[in-house]
Amino acid sequence: MYADEEILRQPRVELKQRELLPPWPGIYYVVDREGIVWYIGKAKNLRKRWQGKSHHRIYQLVTQKKKEFSIYYQLVGEKELDEWEKRAIAKYMPTLNSGRVKRKRIRPSESLLRETIIALGDYLVVIGKESPRIYDRELLAWCEQWRERWWVLNKIVGLEVVHIGIDWYKLLEFAGEEEVALGILNSIFKSRKAYAHKWEGFTPKNPYIPLCGAARLLVNGYGVEVSLINFREFTTHRDRLTSEWVRVMTPESVKRLNEYGIRNPFGFFLTDGRERESRKIATRLAMRIQPYRGNCIPSIFQEELEEEELRRKMMEVKREYEEGKRGFGSRSGGV
């Protein structure tokens, strides 16, 4: 997400002076004053690509009134442009490269994470943090062997992962019944707004399984993964995640999860040890989680959010179930 020395040592021009770009082929990086990489692209003629208002992202950039942008550029031969661009996008994961062009405004995934935290309140728990899976050769081999590649896709395998849990029993107590609890989670995780990244699920084609059965979001250079917590006894303290206060599992509870926990697409649960032998991938993922310390995902964009409206979301969904506007017996026909 942040520009490193590889970008910053390249020549640059201010976005307002883009006509000064050279008429040569190359890769360009749009970077703001804080060093955040917003967009990466390629051009056979850099000057022509940015001439006037011809660039398809210019509107999204110039409407960011509080941001000042520079275009760093790297001269590359035409035959190498595709490979250089692909490698750069994979490394820096710029916000605008993930958004639809037709949108006039692309919201950062940081805001979606903050909205999720606020909407779920104390039903959400930060479990811990996991180091990049790319260094765990056994896990990579097992995921390939048993075709569980979702855990080691290219976009996630090299990132640190923050694990979030939904306190299922506490949520179920609030909702009253399972259908309502699942409906609440679907309403929160299936957002259709114009975010740079969206929550994506392990089983996205099944409408009766919420995305939070195993959901993932890419945020500011980190992966965030969500699962249900299917056990009652764990302790928490308070900390921040992207500037929002959250409950966080204590190191003692994380250690218990490491020793006795299993994760599957529907969440974490504790076992007496017999099932761990038959579920190596789930066991390994539970063992890899370490205690969460500090606000490890920085809040870069700091959008203002409608917090009161977000906090009312769960109550509104529950009321709609009670009134028959949602659920299997409603006109919507599902959760």
Protein backbone atom coordinates (compact mmCIF):
# COMPACT_ATOMS: atom_id res chain seq x y z
CA MET A 1 0.00 0.00 0.00
CA TYR A 2 2.88 2.40 0.80
CA ALA A 3 5.49 3.35 -1.77
CA ASP A 4 8.93 1.98 -0.99
CA GLU A 5 12.38 2.97 -2.18
CA GLU A 6 11.84 1.10 -5.45
CA ILE A 7 9.15 3.66 -6.37
CA LEU A 8 10.43 6.74 -4.58
CA ARG A 9 13.80 6.70 -6.35
CA GLN A 10 12.08 6.99 -9.74
CA PRO A 11 11.52 10.37 -11.47
CA ARG A 12 8.16 12.02 -10.84
CA VAL A 13 5.89 14.89 -11.83
CA GLU A 14 2.96 16.41 -9.96
CA LEU A 15 -0.47 15.27 -11.14
CA LYS A 16 -1.30 18.89 -11.97
CA GLN A 17 1.77 18.99 -14.23
CA ARG A 18 1.25 15.62 -15.92
CA GLU A 19 1.94 17.20 -19.32
CA LEU A 20 5.62 17.08 -18.30
CA LEU A 21 5.69 13.29 -18.49
CA PRO A 22 8.03 11.94 -21.20
CA PRO A 23 6.57 10.48 -24.44
CA TRP A 24 8.12 7.06 -23.79
CA PRO A 25 6.83 3.65 -22.67
CA GLY A 26 6.80 2.89 -18.98
CA ILE A 27 5.04 1.99 -15.74
CA TYR A 28 3.50 4.79 -13.67
CA TYR A 29 2.63 4.96 -9.97
CA VAL A 30 0.13 7.49 -8.60
CA VAL A 31 1.22 8.27 -5.03
CA ASP A 32 -0.15 10.80 -2.53
CA ARG A 33 1.90 12.98 -0.19
CA GLU A 34 1.63 10.40 2.63
CA GLY A 35 3.25 7.81 0.36
CA ILE A 36 0.15 5.72 -0.32
CA VAL A 37 0.06 4.10 -3.76
CA TRP A 38 -3.37 4.78 -5.29
CA TYR A 39 -2.97 3.46 -8.82
CA ILE A 40 -0.48 1.64 -11.04
CA GLY A 41 -0.65 1.43 -14.81
CA LYS A 42 1.33 1.07 -18.01
CA ALA A 43 1.57 3.16 -21.16
CA LYS A 44 3.35 3.01 -24.49
CA ASN A 45 3.45 6.81 -24.32
CA LEU A 46 3.30 8.17 -20.77
CA ARG A 47 2.56 11.76 -21.79
CA LYS A 48 -0.24 10.80 -24.16
CA ARG A 49 -1.78 8.44 -21.59
CA TRP A 50 -2.19 11.33 -19.14
CA GLN A 51 -2.93 14.06 -21.65
CA GLY A 52 -5.75 16.36 -20.57
CA LYS A 53 -8.55 14.36 -18.94
CA SER A 54 -8.10 11.25 -21.07
CA HIS A 55 -7.03 8.95 -18.24
CA HIS A 56 -9.95 6.86 -16.97
CA ARG A 57 -8.99 7.47 -13.30
CA ILE A 58 -8.46 11.22 -13.46
CA TYR A 59 -11.92 12.05 -12.08
CA GLN A 60 -11.45 9.82 -9.05
CA LEU A 61 -8.11 11.46 -8.32
CA VAL A 62 -8.97 15.14 -8.80
CA THR A 63 -12.11 14.81 -6.64
CA GLN A 64 -9.95 13.83 -3.66
CA LYS A 65 -9.79 17.43 -2.51
CA LYS A 66 -7.60 16.81 0.53
CA LYS A 67 -5.01 14.78 -1.38
CA GLU A 68 -2.03 15.86 -3.46
CA PHE A 69 -0.76 13.32 -5.98
CA SER A 70 2.47 12.72 -7.84
CA ILE A 71 3.05 10.39 -10.78
CA TYR A 72 6.24 8.39 -10.43
CA TYR A 73 7.30 6.67 -13.63
CA GLN A 74 9.70 3.92 -14.60
CA LEU A 75 10.80 3.57 -18.21
CA VAL A 76 10.24 0.03 -19.47
CA GLY A 77 10.38 -1.52 -22.94
CA GLU A 78 7.01 -2.09 -24.62
CA LYS A 79 7.40 -5.87 -24.64
CA GLU A 80 7.91 -5.90 -20.87
CA LEU A 81 5.06 -3.55 -19.88
CA ASP A 82 2.48 -6.26 -19.13
CA GLU A 83 4.77 -8.25 -16.86
CA TRP A 84 6.06 -5.18 -14.99
CA GLU A 85 2.55 -3.86 -14.41
CA LYS A 86 1.22 -7.20 -13.19
CA ARG A 87 4.11 -7.62 -10.75
CA ALA A 88 3.80 -4.06 -9.40
CA ILE A 89 0.04 -4.31 -8.82
CA ALA A 90 0.46 -7.61 -6.98
CA LYS A 91 3.13 -6.08 -4.75
CA TYR A 92 1.47 -2.77 -3.80
CA MET A 93 -2.27 -3.62 -4.19
CA PRO A 94 -3.35 -0.04 -5.00
CA THR A 95 -6.88 1.01 -4.02
CA LEU A 96 -8.05 2.18 -7.44
CA ASN A 97 -6.76 -0.85 -9.32
CA SER A 98 -9.43 -2.89 -7.53
CA GLY A 99 -12.37 -0.55 -8.10
CA ARG A 100 -14.73 -0.29 -11.02
CA VAL A 101 -13.95 2.49 -13.43
CA LYS A 102 -17.56 3.60 -13.83
CA ARG A 103 -17.81 4.56 -10.16
CA LYS A 104 -17.18 8.23 -9.51
CA ARG A 105 -16.06 7.48 -5.97
CA ILE A 106 -14.20 4.43 -4.71
CA ARG A 107 -14.27 3.96 -0.95
CA PRO A 108 -11.26 2.34 0.73
CA SER A 109 -11.68 -1.13 2.23
CA GLU A 110 -10.44 0.35 5.50
CA SER A 111 -13.85 2.04 5.79
CA LEU A 112 -15.66 -1.24 5.15
CA LEU A 113 -13.69 -2.90 7.96
CA ARG A 114 -14.46 -0.03 10.32
CA GLU A 115 -18.15 -0.18 9.40
CA THR A 116 -18.18 -3.92 10.13
CA ILE A 117 -16.55 -3.38 13.52
CA ILE A 118 -19.03 -0.66 14.47
CA ALA A 119 -22.07 -2.58 13.22
CA LEU A 120 -21.20 -5.77 15.11
CA GLY A 121 -20.03 -4.03 18.26
CA ASP A 122 -19.21 -6.39 21.13
CA TYR A 123 -20.30 -9.44 19.12
CA LEU A 124 -16.97 -9.14 17.29
CA VAL A 125 -13.66 -10.31 18.77
CA VAL A 126 -10.15 -9.96 17.37
CA ILE A 127 -8.67 -13.43 17.83
CA GLY A 128 -5.07 -12.75 16.87
CA LYS A 129 -2.56 -12.30 14.07
CA GLU A 130 -0.91 -14.78 11.72
CA SER A 131 2.40 -14.46 9.89
CA PRO A 132 2.43 -14.86 6.07
CA ARG A 133 1.53 -18.39 4.99
CA ILE A 134 4.00 -18.30 2.13
CA TYR A 135 6.75 -19.38 4.55
CA ASP A 136 4.82 -22.45 5.79
CA ARG A 137 5.77 -25.06 3.21
CA GLU A 138 3.76 -27.87 4.80
CA LEU A 139 0.59 -25.77 4.83
CA LEU A 140 1.11 -24.80 1.19
CA ALA A 141 1.59 -28.45 0.23
CA TRP A 142 -1.50 -29.60 2.15
CA CYS A 143 -3.70 -26.89 0.62
CA GLU A 144 -2.55 -27.91 -2.84
CA GLN A 145 -2.95 -31.62 -2.13
CA TRP A 146 -6.50 -31.33 -0.76
CA ARG A 147 -7.54 -28.48 -3.06
CA GLU A 148 -8.20 -26.00 -0.27
CA ARG A 149 -6.41 -23.23 -2.14
CA TRP A 150 -8.63 -20.43 -0.80
CA TRP A 151 -6.31 -20.16 2.20
CA VAL A 152 -3.18 -19.70 0.06
CA LEU A 153 -4.30 -17.64 -2.94
CA ASN A 154 -1.64 -15.33 -4.34
CA LYS A 155 -3.33 -12.20 -2.98
CA ILE A 156 -3.28 -13.47 0.63
CA VAL A 157 -0.37 -15.89 0.95
CA GLY A 158 2.30 -13.19 1.38
CA LEU A 159 0.35 -11.01 3.83
CA GLU A 160 0.03 -10.95 7.59
CA VAL A 161 -3.52 -11.93 8.51
CA VAL A 162 -5.61 -10.49 11.34
CA HIS A 163 -8.21 -13.02 12.50
CA ILE A 164 -11.61 -11.79 13.63
CA GLY A 165 -14.23 -13.94 15.31
CA ILE A 166 -17.97 -13.54 15.64
CA ASP A 167 -19.09 -14.52 19.15
CA TRP A 168 -21.78 -16.90 17.90
CA TYR A 169 -23.44 -17.73 21.22
CA LYS A 170 -23.64 -14.09 22.24
CA LEU A 171 -25.06 -13.12 18.85
CA LEU A 172 -27.55 -16.00 18.99
CA GLU A 173 -28.71 -14.83 22.40
CA PHE A 174 -29.43 -11.39 20.93
CA ALA A 175 -31.06 -12.69 17.75
CA GLY A 176 -33.24 -15.31 19.43
CA GLU A 177 -32.92 -17.89 16.68
CA GLU A 178 -30.33 -19.07 14.19
CA GLU A 179 -32.10 -17.79 11.08
CA VAL A 180 -32.14 -14.24 12.46
CA ALA A 181 -28.49 -14.42 13.52
CA LEU A 182 -27.44 -15.61 10.04
CA GLY A 183 -29.57 -12.90 8.46
CA ILE A 184 -27.86 -10.23 10.55
CA LEU A 185 -24.43 -11.45 9.49
CA ASN A 186 -25.40 -11.63 5.82
CA SER A 187 -26.72 -8.08 5.91
CA ILE A 188 -23.43 -6.82 7.34
CA PHE A 189 -21.00 -8.83 5.22
CA LYS A 190 -22.80 -8.68 1.86
CA SER A 191 -22.31 -4.98 1.23
CA ARG A 192 -22.75 -3.77 -2.36
CA LYS A 193 -21.24 -0.32 -1.99
CA ALA A 194 -18.33 0.93 -4.08
CA TYR A 195 -15.39 -0.25 -1.98
CA ALA A 196 -11.88 -0.91 -3.24
CA HIS A 197 -12.19 -4.47 -1.89
CA LYS A 198 -15.26 -6.30 -0.57
CA TRP A 199 -15.83 -9.14 1.86
CA GLU A 200 -15.44 -12.36 -0.08
CA GLY A 201 -16.51 -15.73 1.20
CA PHE A 202 -15.35 -19.32 1.09
CA THR A 203 -18.82 -20.40 -0.08
CA PRO A 204 -20.19 -17.29 -1.83
CA LYS A 205 -22.63 -19.18 -4.11
CA ASN A 206 -24.70 -20.65 -1.26
CA PRO A 207 -27.24 -18.02 -0.09
CA TYR A 208 -27.97 -19.87 3.15
CA ILE A 209 -24.38 -19.79 4.42
CA PRO A 210 -23.22 -16.32 5.48
CA LEU A 211 -19.97 -14.99 4.10
CA CYS A 212 -18.66 -14.85 7.65
CA GLY A 213 -18.49 -18.65 7.63
CA ALA A 214 -15.10 -17.77 6.25
CA ALA A 215 -14.83 -14.22 4.95
CA ARG A 216 -11.83 -12.23 3.81
CA LEU A 217 -11.02 -8.58 3.21
CA LEU A 218 -7.78 -6.95 2.02
CA VAL A 219 -7.04 -3.79 4.02
CA ASN A 220 -4.00 -1.51 3.77
CA GLY A 221 -1.56 -4.31 3.02
CA TYR A 222 -3.04 -6.83 5.48
CA GLY A 223 -5.48 -9.69 5.15
CA VAL A 224 -8.46 -9.82 7.50
CA GLU A 225 -10.28 -13.15 7.89
CA VAL A 226 -13.51 -13.76 9.78
CA SER A 227 -14.88 -16.96 11.33
CA LEU A 228 -17.53 -17.85 13.88
CA ILE A 229 -16.34 -18.62 17.41
CA ASN A 230 -18.23 -21.77 18.32
CA PHE A 231 -17.20 -22.05 21.97
CA ARG A 232 -18.23 -20.05 25.02
CA GLU A 233 -15.25 -19.83 27.35
CA PHE A 234 -12.66 -17.23 26.40
CA THR A 235 -11.49 -13.97 27.92
CA THR A 236 -10.90 -10.60 26.25
CA HIS A 237 -9.47 -7.13 26.78
CA ARG A 238 -9.87 -3.91 24.78
CA ASP A 239 -7.63 -2.67 21.97
CA ARG A 240 -7.91 -0.88 18.61
CA LEU A 241 -8.19 -2.12 15.05
CA THR A 242 -8.05 0.56 12.31
CA SER A 243 -8.75 3.17 15.01
CA GLU A 244 -11.90 1.40 16.30
CA TRP A 245 -12.14 -0.09 19.80
CA VAL A 246 -12.70 -3.85 19.79
CA ARG A 247 -12.64 -6.82 22.11
CA VAL A 248 -9.41 -8.83 21.77
CA MET A 249 -8.72 -12.37 22.93
CA THR A 250 -6.21 -12.57 25.75
CA PRO A 251 -2.96 -14.49 25.13
CA GLU A 252 -4.24 -17.26 27.44
CA SER A 253 -7.35 -17.79 25.28
CA VAL A 254 -5.28 -17.74 22.08
CA LYS A 255 -2.97 -20.39 23.54
CA ARG A 256 -5.99 -22.57 24.29
CA LEU A 257 -7.15 -22.13 20.71
CA ASN A 258 -3.68 -23.08 19.46
CA GLU A 259 -3.73 -26.28 21.50
CA TYR A 260 -7.33 -27.42 21.12
CA GLY A 261 -8.92 -25.40 18.32
CA ILE A 262 -9.98 -26.35 14.82
CA ARG A 263 -11.11 -23.99 12.11
CA ASN A 264 -13.29 -24.97 9.20
CA PRO A 265 -15.25 -22.73 6.78
CA PHE A 266 -17.89 -22.32 9.51
CA GLY A 267 -15.64 -21.17 12.31
CA PHE A 268 -13.39 -22.09 15.23
CA PHE A 269 -14.38 -24.69 17.78
CA LEU A 270 -12.56 -26.62 20.49
CA THR A 271 -11.93 -30.36 20.37
CA ASP A 272 -10.54 -33.06 22.63
CA GLY A 273 -7.81 -33.74 20.08
CA ARG A 274 -9.21 -36.73 18.17
CA GLU A 275 -10.50 -34.72 15.20
CA ARG A 276 -7.32 -32.66 14.91
CA GLU A 277 -5.49 -35.56 13.29
CA SER A 278 -8.05 -35.77 10.48
CA ARG A 279 -8.11 -32.03 9.75
CA LYS A 280 -4.50 -31.00 9.29
CA ILE A 281 -5.14 -27.70 7.47
CA ALA A 282 -7.72 -26.48 9.98
CA THR A 283 -5.50 -27.49 12.87
CA ARG A 284 -2.45 -25.81 11.36
CA LEU A 285 -4.34 -22.53 10.85
CA ALA A 286 -5.47 -22.55 14.48
CA MET A 287 -1.93 -23.30 15.68
CA ARG A 288 -0.41 -20.43 13.66
CA ILE A 289 -2.42 -17.64 15.29
CA GLN A 290 -0.52 -15.45 17.74
CA PRO A 291 -1.90 -12.89 20.22
CA TYR A 292 -2.93 -9.53 18.79
CA ARG A 293 -0.96 -6.57 20.09
CA GLY A 294 -1.53 -2.95 19.16
CA ASN A 295 -3.34 -1.28 16.30
CA CYS A 296 -1.44 -3.21 13.62
CA ILE A 297 -3.62 -2.10 10.67
CA PRO A 298 -3.16 1.67 10.38
CA SER A 299 -6.10 3.96 9.66
CA ILE A 300 -4.91 5.80 6.55
CA PHE A 301 -8.02 7.33 4.99
CA GLN A 302 -10.00 8.12 8.17
CA GLU A 303 -13.36 8.59 6.47
CA GLU A 304 -16.18 9.98 8.58
CA LEU A 305 -18.76 7.25 9.17
CA GLU A 306 -22.42 7.33 10.21
CA GLU A 307 -21.75 5.48 13.46
CA GLU A 308 -25.23 5.73 14.97
CA GLU A 309 -26.81 4.41 11.80
CA LEU A 310 -24.36 1.51 11.70
CA ARG A 311 -25.07 0.62 15.32
CA ARG A 312 -28.81 0.45 14.58
CA LYS A 313 -28.30 -1.99 11.71
CA MET A 314 -28.59 -5.17 13.78
CA MET A 315 -31.74 -3.97 15.54
CA GLU A 316 -33.35 -3.08 12.21
CA VAL A 317 -32.62 -6.49 10.69
CA LYS A 318 -33.95 -8.27 13.80
CA ARG A 319 -37.13 -6.18 13.71
CA GLU A 320 -37.65 -7.00 10.01
CA TYR A 321 -37.53 -10.70 10.85
CA GLU A 322 -40.04 -10.21 13.65
CA GLU A 323 -42.34 -8.35 11.26
CA GLY A 324 -42.01 -11.03 8.56
CA LYS A 325 -40.20 -8.76 6.10
CA ARG A 326 -37.19 -11.09 6.06
CA GLY A 327 -36.74 -14.83 6.33
CA PHE A 328 -37.93 -17.92 4.51
CA GLY A 329 -41.57 -17.00 4.90
CA SER A 330 -41.15 -13.45 3.61
CA ARG A 331 -41.42 -12.08 0.10
CA SER A 332 -37.64 -11.97 -0.11
CA GLY A 333 -37.62 -15.75 0.31
CA GLY A 334 -34.32 -15.96 2.18
CA VAL A 335 -32.00 -14.46 4.74
